[in-house]
Amino acid sequence: MHHPVPRSQPLPSPAAPRAELAPFLTPSLAAVASAARRRALRDGDRQIDTAHLLHALVESDLEAGAAFENGHQLARVLGYLVQRSIGYGLRWQRSDEESATRRLLPAARGTEPPGSRTSPWSPAAAAALEGAFRRAADRGETQARGLDLLAAVAADPESRAVEVLRRAGVDADALTARIEGLAAARDEEPSQQV
């Protein structure tokens, strides 16, 4: 059960500079964001997109990896993501991930002028970050976790991450249900230890 709590500070805009986002990310998720940024630079992409975030999540966040049905499913996802790095994603390299533009949440709207490339995040990745921040705030926490970001990434059926999931045979809705189950189990743990 989630109880709304007053926020001591407003949610950040995903277009905020890296230092401004740090207080809103667990150390593990901050490492994921840095890994996604490095992957985008290495791949020659103009922006960090949801596939970069998915790749960094499944490689380095244990909770996110545990959300997949089994090791075989996770291996297929990683296989597609590696293919993307070595050529599968070349068709994406010179294009922008715009799928979430019309659905951006209020904090992400207007963060950059149309046609501007000031944000390091694609609109879909920015919306996923904002979704992760909102999931954390709804729990009464100030920092988003890997599962928050994975759930937000899987929620956009038009994103590159969901395209990768589909090609790997992962049902995004089933993944989201497993994420919710893991999050509920994690939230119950402290109350059982009392």
N, C-alpha and C. Protein backbone atom coordinates (compact mmCIF):
# COMPACT_ATOMS: atom_id res chain seq x y z
N MET A 1 0.84 -1.17 0.00
CA MET A 1 0.00 0.00 0.00
C MET A 1 0.89 1.23 0.00
N HIS A 2 0.58 2.15 -0.89
CA HIS A 2 1.38 3.36 -1.00
C HIS A 2 0.63 4.51 -0.36
N HIS A 3 1.34 5.30 0.44
CA HIS A 3 0.76 6.46 1.07
C HIS A 3 1.45 7.70 0.53
N PRO A 4 0.65 8.66 0.04
CA PRO A 4 1.30 9.87 -0.43
C PRO A 4 1.97 10.58 0.75
N VAL A 5 3.16 11.07 0.50
CA VAL A 5 3.88 11.81 1.54
C VAL A 5 4.29 13.15 0.97
N PRO A 6 4.38 14.14 1.83
CA PRO A 6 4.83 15.43 1.30
C PRO A 6 6.27 15.34 0.84
N ARG A 7 6.56 15.99 -0.27
CA ARG A 7 7.93 15.99 -0.82
C ARG A 7 8.69 17.16 -0.23
N SER A 8 9.90 16.88 0.20
CA SER A 8 10.72 17.95 0.75
C SER A 8 11.36 18.77 -0.37
N GLN A 9 11.44 18.19 -1.56
CA GLN A 9 12.01 18.91 -2.68
C GLN A 9 11.28 18.50 -3.95
N PRO A 10 11.16 19.39 -4.92
CA PRO A 10 10.45 19.04 -6.16
C PRO A 10 11.23 18.00 -6.96
N LEU A 11 10.50 17.25 -7.79
CA LEU A 11 11.16 16.29 -8.67
C LEU A 11 11.99 17.03 -9.70
N PRO A 12 13.14 16.48 -10.06
CA PRO A 12 13.99 17.17 -11.03
C PRO A 12 13.47 16.97 -12.45
N SER A 13 13.84 17.86 -13.32
CA SER A 13 13.59 17.65 -14.73
C SER A 13 14.68 16.71 -15.24
N PRO A 14 14.33 15.70 -16.05
CA PRO A 14 15.36 14.82 -16.58
C PRO A 14 16.41 15.55 -17.41
N ALA A 15 16.09 16.76 -17.87
CA ALA A 15 17.06 17.52 -18.66
C ALA A 15 18.05 18.27 -17.77
N ALA A 16 17.88 18.15 -16.45
CA ALA A 16 18.78 18.83 -15.52
C ALA A 16 20.19 18.29 -15.68
N PRO A 17 21.17 19.11 -15.35
CA PRO A 17 22.56 18.64 -15.40
C PRO A 17 22.75 17.43 -14.49
N ARG A 18 23.73 16.61 -14.81
CA ARG A 18 23.99 15.36 -14.09
C ARG A 18 24.08 15.56 -12.59
N ALA A 19 24.75 16.59 -12.14
CA ALA A 19 24.92 16.84 -10.70
C ALA A 19 23.58 17.08 -10.02
N GLU A 20 22.63 17.71 -10.73
CA GLU A 20 21.32 17.97 -10.14
C GLU A 20 20.49 16.70 -10.04
N LEU A 21 20.73 15.71 -10.88
CA LEU A 21 19.98 14.45 -10.83
C LEU A 21 20.49 13.52 -9.74
N ALA A 22 21.75 13.63 -9.37
CA ALA A 22 22.39 12.69 -8.45
C ALA A 22 21.61 12.46 -7.15
N PRO A 23 21.08 13.49 -6.50
CA PRO A 23 20.37 13.24 -5.24
C PRO A 23 19.09 12.41 -5.42
N PHE A 24 18.60 12.29 -6.65
CA PHE A 24 17.35 11.58 -6.90
C PHE A 24 17.57 10.14 -7.35
N LEU A 25 18.83 9.70 -7.41
CA LEU A 25 19.15 8.36 -7.87
C LEU A 25 19.89 7.60 -6.78
N THR A 26 19.56 6.32 -6.59
CA THR A 26 20.38 5.51 -5.69
C THR A 26 21.76 5.41 -6.31
N PRO A 27 22.78 5.08 -5.53
CA PRO A 27 24.12 4.94 -6.13
C PRO A 27 24.14 3.94 -7.29
N SER A 28 23.39 2.86 -7.15
CA SER A 28 23.32 1.86 -8.22
C SER A 28 22.71 2.45 -9.49
N LEU A 29 21.64 3.22 -9.34
CA LEU A 29 20.99 3.81 -10.52
C LEU A 29 21.84 4.94 -11.10
N ALA A 30 22.58 5.66 -10.26
CA ALA A 30 23.49 6.68 -10.78
C ALA A 30 24.57 6.01 -11.64
N ALA A 31 25.03 4.83 -11.22
CA ALA A 31 26.02 4.09 -12.02
C ALA A 31 25.41 3.65 -13.35
N VAL A 32 24.13 3.27 -13.33
CA VAL A 32 23.43 2.87 -14.56
C VAL A 32 23.36 4.07 -15.51
N ALA A 33 22.99 5.24 -14.99
CA ALA A 33 22.89 6.44 -15.84
C ALA A 33 24.25 6.78 -16.46
N SER A 34 25.31 6.66 -15.67
CA SER A 34 26.66 6.92 -16.20
C SER A 34 27.04 5.90 -17.26
N ALA A 35 26.72 4.64 -17.03
CA ALA A 35 27.03 3.59 -18.01
C ALA A 35 26.24 3.82 -19.31
N ALA A 36 24.99 4.24 -19.19
CA ALA A 36 24.19 4.52 -20.39
C ALA A 36 24.79 5.68 -21.17
N ARG A 37 25.25 6.69 -20.45
CA ARG A 37 25.88 7.86 -21.09
C ARG A 37 27.15 7.44 -21.84
N ARG A 38 27.99 6.61 -21.19
CA ARG A 38 29.22 6.13 -21.84
C ARG A 38 28.88 5.29 -23.07
N ARG A 39 27.86 4.44 -22.96
CA ARG A 39 27.48 3.59 -24.08
C ARG A 39 27.01 4.43 -25.26
N ALA A 40 26.24 5.47 -25.01
CA ALA A 40 25.77 6.34 -26.09
C ALA A 40 26.95 7.02 -26.77
N LEU A 41 27.89 7.52 -25.98
CA LEU A 41 29.08 8.16 -26.56
C LEU A 41 29.89 7.17 -27.39
N ARG A 42 30.09 5.97 -26.84
CA ARG A 42 30.88 4.95 -27.54
C ARG A 42 30.20 4.52 -28.84
N ASP A 43 28.85 4.46 -28.82
CA ASP A 43 28.10 4.06 -30.01
C ASP A 43 27.96 5.19 -31.03
N GLY A 44 28.36 6.40 -30.67
CA GLY A 44 28.24 7.53 -31.58
C GLY A 44 26.83 8.08 -31.67
N ASP A 45 26.00 7.82 -30.65
CA ASP A 45 24.62 8.30 -30.66
C ASP A 45 24.56 9.72 -30.12
N ARG A 46 23.60 10.48 -30.64
CA ARG A 46 23.47 11.88 -30.22
C ARG A 46 22.89 12.02 -28.82
N GLN A 47 22.04 11.08 -28.44
CA GLN A 47 21.39 11.16 -27.14
C GLN A 47 21.36 9.78 -26.49
N ILE A 48 21.20 9.77 -25.18
CA ILE A 48 21.00 8.53 -24.43
C ILE A 48 19.54 8.15 -24.63
N ASP A 49 19.32 6.93 -25.13
CA ASP A 49 17.94 6.51 -25.35
C ASP A 49 17.57 5.38 -24.40
N THR A 50 16.35 4.88 -24.53
CA THR A 50 15.87 3.85 -23.61
C THR A 50 16.61 2.53 -23.78
N ALA A 51 17.12 2.25 -24.97
CA ALA A 51 17.89 1.02 -25.16
C ALA A 51 19.23 1.11 -24.42
N HIS A 52 19.84 2.29 -24.39
CA HIS A 52 21.07 2.48 -23.61
C HIS A 52 20.77 2.25 -22.13
N LEU A 53 19.64 2.80 -21.66
CA LEU A 53 19.26 2.62 -20.25
C LEU A 53 19.00 1.15 -19.95
N LEU A 54 18.28 0.46 -20.84
CA LEU A 54 17.99 -0.96 -20.64
C LEU A 54 19.29 -1.76 -20.58
N HIS A 55 20.21 -1.48 -21.49
CA HIS A 55 21.48 -2.21 -21.54
C HIS A 55 22.24 -2.03 -20.22
N ALA A 56 22.35 -0.79 -19.76
CA ALA A 56 23.06 -0.53 -18.51
C ALA A 56 22.34 -1.17 -17.32
N LEU A 57 21.02 -1.16 -17.32
CA LEU A 57 20.26 -1.77 -16.22
C LEU A 57 20.50 -3.27 -16.13
N VAL A 58 20.36 -3.97 -17.27
CA VAL A 58 20.48 -5.44 -17.20
C VAL A 58 21.91 -5.88 -16.97
N GLU A 59 22.88 -5.04 -17.33
CA GLU A 59 24.28 -5.39 -17.09
C GLU A 59 24.71 -5.17 -15.64
N SER A 60 24.16 -4.14 -15.00
CA SER A 60 24.75 -3.78 -13.71
C SER A 60 23.80 -3.69 -12.53
N ASP A 61 22.51 -3.77 -12.72
CA ASP A 61 21.58 -3.67 -11.60
C ASP A 61 20.98 -5.05 -11.32
N LEU A 62 21.33 -5.63 -10.19
CA LEU A 62 20.90 -7.00 -9.87
C LEU A 62 19.38 -7.11 -9.76
N GLU A 63 18.72 -6.11 -9.17
CA GLU A 63 17.26 -6.15 -9.06
C GLU A 63 16.61 -6.14 -10.44
N ALA A 64 17.13 -5.33 -11.34
CA ALA A 64 16.57 -5.27 -12.69
C ALA A 64 16.76 -6.60 -13.40
N GLY A 65 17.94 -7.20 -13.27
CA GLY A 65 18.18 -8.51 -13.88
C GLY A 65 17.27 -9.58 -13.33
N ALA A 66 16.96 -9.51 -12.03
CA ALA A 66 16.08 -10.49 -11.40
C ALA A 66 14.62 -10.37 -11.87
N ALA A 67 14.26 -9.26 -12.48
CA ALA A 67 12.89 -9.06 -12.94
C ALA A 67 12.57 -9.89 -14.18
N PHE A 68 13.59 -10.38 -14.86
CA PHE A 68 13.33 -11.18 -16.05
C PHE A 68 12.94 -12.60 -15.64
N GLU A 69 12.18 -13.24 -16.51
CA GLU A 69 11.61 -14.55 -16.21
C GLU A 69 12.66 -15.59 -15.81
N ASN A 70 13.77 -15.59 -16.52
CA ASN A 70 14.83 -16.56 -16.23
C ASN A 70 16.13 -16.07 -16.88
N GLY A 71 17.21 -16.79 -16.61
CA GLY A 71 18.50 -16.41 -17.15
C GLY A 71 18.55 -16.47 -18.67
N HIS A 72 17.80 -17.40 -19.26
CA HIS A 72 17.79 -17.51 -20.72
C HIS A 72 17.16 -16.26 -21.34
N GLN A 73 16.07 -15.78 -20.75
CA GLN A 73 15.41 -14.58 -21.26
C GLN A 73 16.34 -13.37 -21.13
N LEU A 74 17.01 -13.25 -20.00
CA LEU A 74 17.95 -12.16 -19.80
C LEU A 74 19.10 -12.23 -20.80
N ALA A 75 19.59 -13.44 -21.07
CA ALA A 75 20.68 -13.62 -22.03
C ALA A 75 20.24 -13.18 -23.44
N ARG A 76 19.00 -13.49 -23.82
CA ARG A 76 18.49 -13.06 -25.13
C ARG A 76 18.44 -11.54 -25.23
N VAL A 77 17.97 -10.90 -24.15
CA VAL A 77 17.90 -9.43 -24.15
C VAL A 77 19.31 -8.85 -24.29
N LEU A 78 20.24 -9.37 -23.50
CA LEU A 78 21.63 -8.89 -23.61
C LEU A 78 22.20 -9.14 -25.00
N GLY A 79 21.86 -10.27 -25.60
CA GLY A 79 22.33 -10.57 -26.95
C GLY A 79 21.86 -9.54 -27.95
N TYR A 80 20.58 -9.15 -27.89
CA TYR A 80 20.07 -8.12 -28.79
C TYR A 80 20.72 -6.76 -28.52
N LEU A 81 20.94 -6.47 -27.24
CA LEU A 81 21.57 -5.19 -26.91
C LEU A 81 23.02 -5.13 -27.39
N VAL A 82 23.74 -6.23 -27.29
CA VAL A 82 25.11 -6.28 -27.80
C VAL A 82 25.09 -6.13 -29.32
N GLN A 83 24.16 -6.81 -29.99
CA GLN A 83 24.03 -6.66 -31.45
C GLN A 83 23.80 -5.21 -31.81
N ARG A 84 23.00 -4.53 -30.99
CA ARG A 84 22.73 -3.12 -31.25
C ARG A 84 24.03 -2.33 -31.22
N SER A 85 24.89 -2.64 -30.25
CA SER A 85 26.16 -1.92 -30.11
C SER A 85 27.10 -2.16 -31.28
N ILE A 86 26.98 -3.33 -31.91
CA ILE A 86 27.92 -3.65 -32.99
C ILE A 86 27.30 -3.59 -34.37
N GLY A 87 26.11 -2.99 -34.49
CA GLY A 87 25.58 -2.81 -35.83
C GLY A 87 24.08 -2.90 -35.96
N TYR A 88 23.43 -3.68 -35.11
CA TYR A 88 21.98 -3.81 -35.19
C TYR A 88 21.31 -2.45 -35.07
N GLY A 89 21.85 -1.59 -34.23
CA GLY A 89 21.25 -0.29 -34.00
C GLY A 89 21.74 0.82 -34.90
N LEU A 90 22.48 0.49 -35.95
CA LEU A 90 22.99 1.55 -36.82
C LEU A 90 21.86 2.39 -37.42
N ARG A 91 20.72 1.77 -37.65
CA ARG A 91 19.61 2.55 -38.21
C ARG A 91 19.09 3.57 -37.20
N TRP A 92 19.39 3.36 -35.92
CA TRP A 92 19.00 4.30 -34.89
C TRP A 92 20.04 5.39 -34.69
N GLN A 93 21.26 5.16 -35.15
CA GLN A 93 22.38 6.03 -34.79
C GLN A 93 22.17 7.49 -35.19
N ARG A 94 21.63 7.74 -36.32
CA ARG A 94 21.48 9.12 -36.78
C ARG A 94 20.05 9.62 -36.60
N SER A 95 19.25 8.91 -35.81
CA SER A 95 17.87 9.34 -35.60
C SER A 95 17.62 9.53 -34.10
N ASP A 96 16.55 10.24 -33.80
CA ASP A 96 16.20 10.51 -32.42
C ASP A 96 15.04 9.62 -31.99
N GLU A 97 15.06 9.22 -30.74
CA GLU A 97 13.97 8.43 -30.17
C GLU A 97 12.91 9.42 -29.69
N GLU A 98 11.87 9.56 -30.47
CA GLU A 98 10.86 10.57 -30.20
C GLU A 98 9.54 10.00 -29.70
N SER A 99 9.44 8.71 -29.46
CA SER A 99 8.15 8.09 -29.21
C SER A 99 7.38 8.69 -28.05
N ALA A 100 8.04 9.17 -27.02
CA ALA A 100 7.32 9.66 -25.84
C ALA A 100 7.04 11.16 -25.89
N THR A 101 7.40 11.84 -26.95
CA THR A 101 7.27 13.29 -27.01
C THR A 101 5.86 13.75 -26.68
N ARG A 102 4.88 13.13 -27.25
CA ARG A 102 3.52 13.60 -27.02
C ARG A 102 2.96 13.18 -25.67
N ARG A 103 3.69 12.33 -24.95
CA ARG A 103 3.19 11.86 -23.67
C ARG A 103 4.08 12.31 -22.51
N LEU A 104 4.96 13.26 -22.73
CA LEU A 104 5.85 13.69 -21.66
C LEU A 104 5.05 14.18 -20.46
N LEU A 105 5.53 13.84 -19.31
CA LEU A 105 4.93 14.31 -18.08
C LEU A 105 5.29 15.78 -17.88
N PRO A 106 4.56 16.49 -17.03
CA PRO A 106 4.76 17.94 -16.92
C PRO A 106 6.20 18.40 -16.70
N ALA A 107 6.96 17.72 -15.87
CA ALA A 107 8.33 18.20 -15.59
C ALA A 107 9.23 18.11 -16.81
N ALA A 108 8.91 17.20 -17.75
CA ALA A 108 9.76 17.04 -18.92
C ALA A 108 9.32 17.93 -20.08
N ARG A 109 8.06 18.39 -20.05
CA ARG A 109 7.58 19.26 -21.12
C ARG A 109 8.29 20.59 -21.08
N GLY A 110 8.68 21.05 -22.23
CA GLY A 110 9.27 22.36 -22.33
C GLY A 110 10.69 22.47 -21.78
N THR A 111 11.32 21.35 -21.52
CA THR A 111 12.68 21.42 -20.97
C THR A 111 13.69 21.76 -22.04
N GLU A 112 13.33 21.55 -23.28
CA GLU A 112 14.21 21.97 -24.35
C GLU A 112 13.37 22.42 -25.54
N PRO A 113 13.79 23.44 -26.24
CA PRO A 113 13.03 23.91 -27.38
C PRO A 113 13.00 22.87 -28.49
N PRO A 114 11.92 22.85 -29.30
CA PRO A 114 11.87 21.89 -30.41
C PRO A 114 13.10 22.04 -31.30
N GLY A 115 13.66 20.92 -31.69
CA GLY A 115 14.83 20.92 -32.56
C GLY A 115 16.14 21.13 -31.82
N SER A 116 16.05 21.44 -30.53
CA SER A 116 17.27 21.65 -29.75
C SER A 116 17.86 20.32 -29.33
N ARG A 117 19.16 20.25 -29.22
CA ARG A 117 19.84 19.02 -28.81
C ARG A 117 20.60 19.27 -27.51
N THR A 118 20.06 20.15 -26.65
CA THR A 118 20.76 20.45 -25.42
C THR A 118 20.66 19.33 -24.40
N SER A 119 19.58 18.57 -24.42
CA SER A 119 19.41 17.49 -23.45
C SER A 119 20.20 16.26 -23.88
N PRO A 120 20.89 15.61 -22.94
CA PRO A 120 21.59 14.38 -23.30
C PRO A 120 20.64 13.19 -23.43
N TRP A 121 19.38 13.36 -23.04
CA TRP A 121 18.41 12.27 -23.02
C TRP A 121 17.43 12.40 -24.18
N SER A 122 17.08 11.28 -24.80
CA SER A 122 16.01 11.31 -25.78
C SER A 122 14.72 11.63 -25.04
N PRO A 123 13.68 12.11 -25.73
CA PRO A 123 12.41 12.37 -25.04
C PRO A 123 11.87 11.12 -24.33
N ALA A 124 12.00 9.95 -24.94
CA ALA A 124 11.51 8.73 -24.30
C ALA A 124 12.32 8.39 -23.06
N ALA A 125 13.64 8.59 -23.11
CA ALA A 125 14.49 8.33 -21.94
C ALA A 125 14.19 9.34 -20.83
N ALA A 126 13.98 10.60 -21.19
CA ALA A 126 13.63 11.62 -20.20
C ALA A 126 12.30 11.27 -19.52
N ALA A 127 11.33 10.82 -20.32
CA ALA A 127 10.03 10.42 -19.75
C ALA A 127 10.20 9.21 -18.83
N ALA A 128 11.08 8.28 -19.20
CA ALA A 128 11.33 7.11 -18.35
C ALA A 128 11.98 7.54 -17.03
N LEU A 129 12.94 8.45 -17.08
CA LEU A 129 13.55 8.96 -15.85
C LEU A 129 12.52 9.63 -14.96
N GLU A 130 11.68 10.45 -15.58
CA GLU A 130 10.65 11.12 -14.80
C GLU A 130 9.69 10.10 -14.20
N GLY A 131 9.35 9.07 -14.97
CA GLY A 131 8.49 8.01 -14.45
C GLY A 131 9.12 7.31 -13.26
N ALA A 132 10.43 7.08 -13.32
CA ALA A 132 11.15 6.46 -12.20
C ALA A 132 11.12 7.36 -10.97
N PHE A 133 11.32 8.68 -11.17
CA PHE A 133 11.26 9.62 -10.04
C PHE A 133 9.87 9.60 -9.40
N ARG A 134 8.85 9.55 -10.24
CA ARG A 134 7.47 9.56 -9.72
C ARG A 134 7.16 8.27 -8.96
N ARG A 135 7.64 7.14 -9.46
CA ARG A 135 7.42 5.87 -8.74
C ARG A 135 8.05 5.94 -7.35
N ALA A 136 9.25 6.48 -7.27
CA ALA A 136 9.92 6.60 -5.98
C ALA A 136 9.14 7.55 -5.06
N ALA A 137 8.72 8.69 -5.59
CA ALA A 137 7.98 9.67 -4.79
C ALA A 137 6.66 9.07 -4.29
N ASP A 138 6.00 8.27 -5.13
CA ASP A 138 4.75 7.64 -4.72
C ASP A 138 4.96 6.68 -3.54
N ARG A 139 6.15 6.13 -3.43
CA ARG A 139 6.49 5.24 -2.30
C ARG A 139 6.94 6.03 -1.08
N GLY A 140 7.13 7.33 -1.26
CA GLY A 140 7.62 8.16 -0.18
C GLY A 140 9.13 8.20 -0.10
N GLU A 141 9.81 7.77 -1.16
CA GLU A 141 11.27 7.78 -1.20
C GLU A 141 11.75 8.93 -2.08
N THR A 142 12.92 9.42 -1.78
CA THR A 142 13.47 10.53 -2.56
C THR A 142 14.36 10.07 -3.70
N GLN A 143 14.76 8.79 -3.70
CA GLN A 143 15.66 8.29 -4.74
C GLN A 143 15.00 7.16 -5.53
N ALA A 144 15.14 7.23 -6.85
CA ALA A 144 14.64 6.17 -7.73
C ALA A 144 15.62 5.01 -7.73
N ARG A 145 15.09 3.82 -7.93
CA ARG A 145 15.89 2.58 -7.99
C ARG A 145 15.87 2.03 -9.41
N GLY A 146 16.68 1.01 -9.62
CA GLY A 146 16.73 0.36 -10.93
C GLY A 146 15.39 -0.20 -11.36
N LEU A 147 14.66 -0.81 -10.43
CA LEU A 147 13.34 -1.36 -10.77
C LEU A 147 12.37 -0.26 -11.19
N ASP A 148 12.49 0.92 -10.58
CA ASP A 148 11.64 2.05 -10.98
C ASP A 148 11.91 2.42 -12.44
N LEU A 149 13.18 2.49 -12.80
CA LEU A 149 13.53 2.86 -14.17
C LEU A 149 13.15 1.75 -15.15
N LEU A 150 13.37 0.50 -14.78
CA LEU A 150 13.00 -0.61 -15.67
C LEU A 150 11.50 -0.60 -15.93
N ALA A 151 10.70 -0.38 -14.88
CA ALA A 151 9.24 -0.32 -15.06
C ALA A 151 8.85 0.83 -15.98
N ALA A 152 9.48 1.98 -15.80
CA ALA A 152 9.16 3.14 -16.64
C ALA A 152 9.60 2.92 -18.09
N VAL A 153 10.74 2.29 -18.28
CA VAL A 153 11.23 1.99 -19.64
C VAL A 153 10.28 1.01 -20.34
N ALA A 154 9.83 0.00 -19.62
CA ALA A 154 8.95 -1.02 -20.20
C ALA A 154 7.54 -0.50 -20.45
N ALA A 155 7.19 0.64 -19.87
CA ALA A 155 5.84 1.18 -20.01
C ALA A 155 5.58 1.89 -21.33
N ASP A 156 6.62 2.23 -22.08
CA ASP A 156 6.45 2.95 -23.34
C ASP A 156 6.53 1.96 -24.49
N PRO A 157 5.37 1.56 -25.03
CA PRO A 157 5.37 0.52 -26.07
C PRO A 157 6.06 0.92 -27.36
N GLU A 158 6.33 2.22 -27.55
CA GLU A 158 6.98 2.67 -28.78
C GLU A 158 8.47 2.92 -28.61
N SER A 159 9.01 2.66 -27.42
CA SER A 159 10.42 2.97 -27.18
C SER A 159 11.34 1.93 -27.81
N ARG A 160 12.59 2.31 -27.96
CA ARG A 160 13.60 1.39 -28.50
C ARG A 160 13.83 0.23 -27.54
N ALA A 161 13.77 0.49 -26.23
CA ALA A 161 13.96 -0.58 -25.25
C ALA A 161 12.88 -1.64 -25.39
N VAL A 162 11.65 -1.22 -25.58
CA VAL A 162 10.56 -2.19 -25.73
C VAL A 162 10.68 -2.92 -27.06
N GLU A 163 11.19 -2.25 -28.08
CA GLU A 163 11.46 -2.95 -29.35
C GLU A 163 12.48 -4.06 -29.13
N VAL A 164 13.54 -3.77 -28.37
CA VAL A 164 14.55 -4.78 -28.06
C VAL A 164 13.91 -5.93 -27.27
N LEU A 165 13.11 -5.58 -26.27
CA LEU A 165 12.44 -6.61 -25.47
C LEU A 165 11.58 -7.51 -26.35
N ARG A 166 10.79 -6.90 -27.23
CA ARG A 166 9.93 -7.69 -28.14
C ARG A 166 10.75 -8.63 -29.00
N ARG A 167 11.83 -8.13 -29.59
CA ARG A 167 12.68 -8.96 -30.45
C ARG A 167 13.33 -10.11 -29.67
N ALA A 168 13.54 -9.90 -28.37
CA ALA A 168 14.13 -10.94 -27.52
C ALA A 168 13.06 -11.88 -26.95
N GLY A 169 11.80 -11.64 -27.30
CA GLY A 169 10.72 -12.51 -26.83
C GLY A 169 10.24 -12.21 -25.43
N VAL A 170 10.45 -10.98 -24.97
CA VAL A 170 10.02 -10.59 -23.63
C VAL A 170 8.75 -9.76 -23.75
N ASP A 171 7.71 -10.19 -23.05
CA ASP A 171 6.45 -9.45 -23.01
C ASP A 171 6.62 -8.32 -21.99
N ALA A 172 6.52 -7.07 -22.45
CA ALA A 172 6.74 -5.92 -21.57
C ALA A 172 5.72 -5.86 -20.44
N ASP A 173 4.48 -6.26 -20.71
CA ASP A 173 3.46 -6.25 -19.65
C ASP A 173 3.77 -7.29 -18.58
N ALA A 174 4.22 -8.48 -19.00
CA ALA A 174 4.59 -9.51 -18.03
C ALA A 174 5.82 -9.07 -17.23
N LEU A 175 6.75 -8.40 -17.89
CA LEU A 175 7.93 -7.88 -17.19
C LEU A 175 7.51 -6.86 -16.14
N THR A 176 6.59 -5.98 -16.50
CA THR A 176 6.10 -4.98 -15.56
C THR A 176 5.43 -5.64 -14.36
N ALA A 177 4.67 -6.70 -14.61
CA ALA A 177 4.02 -7.42 -13.50
C ALA A 177 5.06 -8.03 -12.56
N ARG A 178 6.13 -8.60 -13.13
CA ARG A 178 7.18 -9.17 -12.28
C ARG A 178 7.89 -8.07 -11.48
N ILE A 179 8.09 -6.91 -12.11
CA ILE A 179 8.71 -5.78 -11.42
C ILE A 179 7.85 -5.37 -10.23
N GLU A 180 6.55 -5.28 -10.44
CA GLU A 180 5.64 -4.91 -9.36
C GLU A 180 5.70 -5.93 -8.23
N GLY A 181 5.79 -7.22 -8.58
CA GLY A 181 5.90 -8.27 -7.56
C GLY A 181 7.20 -8.15 -6.76
N LEU A 182 8.31 -7.90 -7.46
CA LEU A 182 9.59 -7.72 -6.76
C LEU A 182 9.58 -6.49 -5.87
N ALA A 183 8.99 -5.41 -6.37
CA ALA A 183 8.93 -4.17 -5.58
C ALA A 183 8.07 -4.38 -4.34
N ALA A 184 6.95 -5.07 -4.48
CA ALA A 184 6.07 -5.32 -3.33
C ALA A 184 6.78 -6.20 -2.30
N ALA A 185 7.50 -7.21 -2.77
CA ALA A 185 8.24 -8.09 -1.85
C ALA A 185 9.33 -7.31 -1.12
N ARG A 186 10.01 -6.42 -1.83
CA ARG A 186 11.07 -5.61 -1.22
C ARG A 186 10.47 -4.66 -0.18
N ASP A 187 9.30 -4.09 -0.48
CA ASP A 187 8.67 -3.15 0.44
C ASP A 187 8.16 -3.84 1.70
N GLU A 188 7.82 -5.12 1.62
CA GLU A 188 7.33 -5.87 2.77
C GLU A 188 8.45 -6.35 3.67
N GLU A 189 9.66 -6.49 3.17
CA GLU A 189 10.77 -7.03 3.95
C GLU A 189 11.01 -6.33 5.28
N PRO A 190 11.10 -5.01 5.36
CA PRO A 190 11.35 -4.37 6.66
C PRO A 190 10.27 -4.66 7.70
N SER A 191 9.00 -4.72 7.27
CA SER A 191 7.92 -4.96 8.23
C SER A 191 7.96 -6.39 8.76
N GLN A 192 8.50 -7.34 8.01
CA GLN A 192 8.59 -8.73 8.46
C GLN A 192 9.74 -8.91 9.44
N GLN A 193 10.73 -8.03 9.42
CA GLN A 193 11.91 -8.16 10.29
C GLN A 193 11.66 -7.60 11.67
N VAL A 194 10.55 -6.91 11.89
CA VAL A 194 10.27 -6.27 13.18
C VAL A 194 9.97 -7.30 14.23
